[in-house]
Amino acid sequence: MSDRDEAIGQNLTRFRGERTQQDIADAMRSLGYKWSQATVWAVEKGERPMRLTEAIDVAGILGVDVSDMVSTRAEGMFRVALRKMMDAYENLGKVVSDYEDAQLLLAMTADAASISENQAVETRDWLNLTAARVAERVDVGKKIASGQLWLEKDPKTGEILGRGPWFDHLLLAWQIDGGAGPHGEHSEEG
């Protein structure tokens, strides 16, 4: 049994979730494979390698990408993290644009309206709170560095997954202990 076969078996177990081994075997048989519940069990234990065509069809049955089926746990976690990063980047762009549009609308309506001194102070505060300053208030980098965010440990070694050169690169880019925020802004502390 190879590490890759073991990873494929673990992925099959994880992705099938509440579905039974028999459900997966039945679905594979309906596609022309000679699978039984014992076949699914052997694949999950890493005792039976899965052919590429089988992996493609099992992935289709489970509604996942075949690359997720054949990846190691760390590779799968990387792909999930990368997708999450790309989605967050896209969403952040939309949110920043909406925030700046709201600031523009506030400035234009404040210019057109007769506002009180209290409203003028509040308006000035909101217009001074740029998207970069909002981002500065998000201390995710500091939470990671201090261990306040949960980090997954490798079940075999007990080491924190992801604590390596890329994690250290991110901390350096954010200058976590140097006073700069994740977007290069400097706080009052730094």
Protein backbone atom coordinates (compact mmCIF):
# COMPACT_ATOMS: atom_id res chain seq x y z
CA MET A 1 0.00 0.00 0.00
CA SER A 2 1.44 3.38 -1.01
CA ASP A 3 0.93 6.66 0.80
CA ARG A 4 -1.04 7.88 -2.22
CA ASP A 5 -3.38 4.84 -2.09
CA GLU A 6 -3.88 5.48 1.62
CA ALA A 7 -4.66 9.16 0.91
CA ILE A 8 -7.16 8.19 -1.81
CA GLY A 9 -8.85 5.82 0.64
CA GLN A 10 -9.05 8.51 3.31
CA ASN A 11 -10.47 10.96 0.76
CA LEU A 12 -13.10 8.44 -0.32
CA THR A 13 -14.12 7.92 3.30
CA ARG A 14 -14.23 11.67 3.95
CA PHE A 15 -16.09 12.62 0.77
CA ARG A 16 -18.70 9.87 0.98
CA GLY A 17 -19.75 11.30 4.35
CA GLU A 18 -23.02 9.71 5.46
CA ARG A 19 -23.32 7.57 2.34
CA THR A 20 -22.66 3.90 2.93
CA GLN A 21 -19.99 1.86 1.24
CA GLN A 22 -22.83 -0.11 -0.36
CA ASP A 23 -24.29 3.12 -1.84
CA ILE A 24 -20.95 3.87 -3.50
CA ALA A 25 -20.60 0.28 -4.76
CA ASP A 26 -24.12 0.38 -6.22
CA ALA A 27 -23.42 3.70 -7.97
CA MET A 28 -20.18 2.32 -9.42
CA ARG A 29 -21.95 -0.87 -10.58
CA SER A 30 -24.54 1.28 -12.36
CA LEU A 31 -21.60 2.76 -14.32
CA GLY A 32 -20.41 -0.72 -15.35
CA TYR A 33 -17.75 -1.40 -12.71
CA LYS A 34 -17.66 -4.69 -10.80
CA TRP A 35 -17.62 -3.04 -7.40
CA SER A 36 -19.03 -4.41 -4.16
CA GLN A 37 -19.10 -3.05 -0.63
CA ALA A 38 -15.87 -4.99 -0.06
CA THR A 39 -14.23 -3.12 -2.97
CA VAL A 40 -15.09 0.22 -1.38
CA TRP A 41 -13.77 -1.03 1.97
CA ALA A 42 -10.48 -2.16 0.36
CA VAL A 43 -10.03 1.20 -1.42
CA GLU A 44 -10.77 3.09 1.79
CA LYS A 45 -8.17 1.03 3.67
CA GLY A 46 -5.62 1.69 0.92
CA GLU A 47 -5.39 -2.03 0.19
CA ARG A 48 -6.78 -1.74 -3.34
CA PRO A 49 -5.46 0.91 -5.73
CA MET A 50 -8.07 2.82 -7.67
CA ARG A 51 -7.73 3.10 -11.46
CA LEU A 52 -7.85 6.58 -12.97
CA THR A 53 -11.19 5.91 -14.66
CA GLU A 54 -12.57 4.69 -11.35
CA ALA A 55 -11.28 7.79 -9.55
CA ILE A 56 -12.91 10.03 -12.16
CA ASP A 57 -16.26 8.26 -11.80
CA VAL A 58 -16.11 8.06 -7.99
CA ALA A 59 -15.35 11.79 -7.90
CA GLY A 60 -18.39 12.38 -10.13
CA ILE A 61 -20.59 10.29 -7.85
CA LEU A 62 -19.37 12.21 -4.81
CA GLY A 63 -19.57 15.61 -6.52
CA VAL A 64 -15.90 16.48 -6.04
CA ASP A 65 -13.02 17.17 -8.40
CA VAL A 66 -10.88 14.15 -9.27
CA SER A 67 -7.80 16.08 -8.11
CA ASP A 68 -9.39 16.22 -4.65
CA MET A 69 -9.86 12.44 -4.74
CA VAL A 70 -6.24 11.65 -5.49
CA SER A 71 -4.54 14.33 -3.42
CA THR A 72 -2.83 13.89 -0.11
CA ARG A 73 -4.45 15.60 2.85
CA ALA A 74 -1.94 18.48 2.72
CA GLU A 75 -2.47 18.93 -1.04
CA GLY A 76 -6.23 18.93 -0.58
CA MET A 77 -6.00 21.45 2.24
CA PHE A 78 -3.77 23.61 0.04
CA ARG A 79 -6.29 23.58 -2.82
CA VAL A 80 -9.13 24.44 -0.46
CA ALA A 81 -7.07 27.28 1.05
CA LEU A 82 -6.15 28.58 -2.41
CA ARG A 83 -9.78 28.54 -3.55
CA LYS A 84 -10.82 30.27 -0.34
CA MET A 85 -8.12 32.91 -0.86
CA MET A 86 -9.21 33.58 -4.45
CA ASP A 87 -12.89 33.80 -3.41
CA ALA A 88 -12.02 36.13 -0.54
CA TYR A 89 -9.95 38.32 -2.86
CA GLU A 90 -12.86 38.62 -5.29
CA ASN A 91 -15.33 39.33 -2.47
CA LEU A 92 -12.95 41.84 -0.90
CA GLY A 93 -12.77 43.79 -4.15
CA LYS A 94 -16.57 43.97 -4.26
CA VAL A 95 -16.80 44.99 -0.61
CA VAL A 96 -14.11 47.68 -0.95
CA SER A 97 -15.87 49.05 -4.03
CA ASP A 98 -19.22 49.11 -2.19
CA TYR A 99 -17.58 50.78 0.82
CA GLU A 100 -15.97 53.47 -1.32
CA ASP A 101 -19.25 54.02 -3.21
CA ALA A 102 -20.99 54.49 0.15
CA GLN A 103 -18.31 56.99 1.21
CA LEU A 104 -18.77 58.91 -2.05
CA LEU A 105 -22.55 58.95 -1.60
CA LEU A 106 -22.12 60.17 1.99
CA ALA A 107 -19.77 62.96 0.89
CA MET A 108 -22.07 64.07 -1.94
CA THR A 109 -25.22 64.05 0.19
CA ALA A 110 -23.44 65.81 3.07
CA ASP A 111 -22.39 68.55 0.60
CA ALA A 112 -25.96 68.91 -0.64
CA ALA A 113 -27.66 68.78 2.79
CA SER A 114 -27.65 71.12 5.70
CA ILE A 115 -26.15 68.93 8.42
CA SER A 116 -25.65 69.56 12.13
CA GLU A 117 -22.25 69.83 13.79
CA ASN A 118 -22.67 66.33 15.25
CA GLN A 119 -23.50 64.97 11.79
CA ALA A 120 -20.48 66.82 10.39
CA VAL A 121 -18.19 65.18 12.95
CA GLU A 122 -19.67 61.74 12.22
CA THR A 123 -19.40 62.33 8.46
CA ARG A 124 -15.76 63.39 8.80
CA ASP A 125 -15.01 60.26 10.86
CA TRP A 126 -16.59 57.98 8.25
CA LEU A 127 -14.84 59.71 5.34
CA ASN A 128 -11.49 59.45 7.13
CA LEU A 129 -12.01 55.73 7.69
CA THR A 130 -10.59 54.55 4.36
CA ALA A 131 -10.70 50.92 3.30
CA ALA A 132 -7.00 50.61 4.22
CA ARG A 133 -7.72 51.84 7.74
CA VAL A 134 -10.59 49.37 8.06
CA ALA A 135 -8.23 46.60 6.99
CA GLU A 136 -5.73 47.75 9.61
CA ARG A 137 -8.31 47.01 12.28
CA VAL A 138 -8.52 43.39 11.17
CA ASP A 139 -5.80 41.72 13.20
CA VAL A 140 -5.89 38.26 11.63
CA GLY A 141 -2.12 38.23 11.19
CA LYS A 142 -1.54 39.00 14.84
CA LYS A 143 -4.02 36.30 15.85
CA ILE A 144 -2.18 33.73 13.73
CA ALA A 145 1.21 34.79 15.06
CA SER A 146 0.04 34.61 18.67
CA GLY A 147 -1.63 31.23 18.15
CA GLN A 148 -5.14 32.56 18.84
CA LEU A 149 -6.39 31.04 15.59
CA TRP A 150 -6.73 27.28 15.44
CA LEU A 151 -4.10 25.63 13.26
CA GLU A 152 -4.42 21.98 12.28
CA LYS A 153 -1.76 19.53 13.42
CA ASP A 154 -0.38 16.67 11.35
CA PRO A 155 -1.90 13.51 12.89
CA LYS A 156 1.33 11.54 12.40
CA THR A 157 3.94 14.06 13.59
CA GLY A 158 1.93 16.47 15.73
CA GLU A 159 3.54 19.40 13.90
CA ILE A 160 1.43 22.43 12.99
CA LEU A 161 0.52 22.17 9.32
CA GLY A 162 1.45 25.22 7.32
CA ARG A 163 4.16 26.53 9.65
CA GLY A 164 6.94 26.70 7.11
CA PRO A 165 8.55 29.09 4.66
CA TRP A 166 5.27 30.32 3.13
CA PHE A 167 3.71 30.98 6.54
CA ASP A 168 6.87 32.82 7.59
CA HIS A 169 6.82 34.74 4.28
CA LEU A 170 3.28 35.91 5.07
CA LEU A 171 4.25 37.00 8.57
CA LEU A 172 7.21 38.89 7.11
CA ALA A 173 5.01 40.49 4.43
CA TRP A 174 2.61 41.59 7.16
CA GLN A 175 5.54 42.56 9.38
CA ILE A 176 3.61 41.14 12.29
CA ASP A 177 6.07 42.21 14.96
CA GLY A 178 7.18 45.29 13.04
CA GLY A 179 4.02 47.33 13.50
CA ALA A 180 2.64 47.10 9.96
CA GLY A 181 -0.76 45.63 9.18
CA PRO A 182 -1.45 42.97 6.58
CA HIS A 183 -1.83 45.67 3.93
CA GLY A 184 1.38 47.56 4.76
CA GLU A 185 -0.31 50.24 6.88
CA HIS A 186 1.41 51.25 10.10
CA SER A 187 -0.52 51.29 13.33
CA GLU A 188 -0.06 53.73 16.16
CA GLU A 189 1.99 51.06 17.97
CA GLY A 190 4.54 50.70 15.13
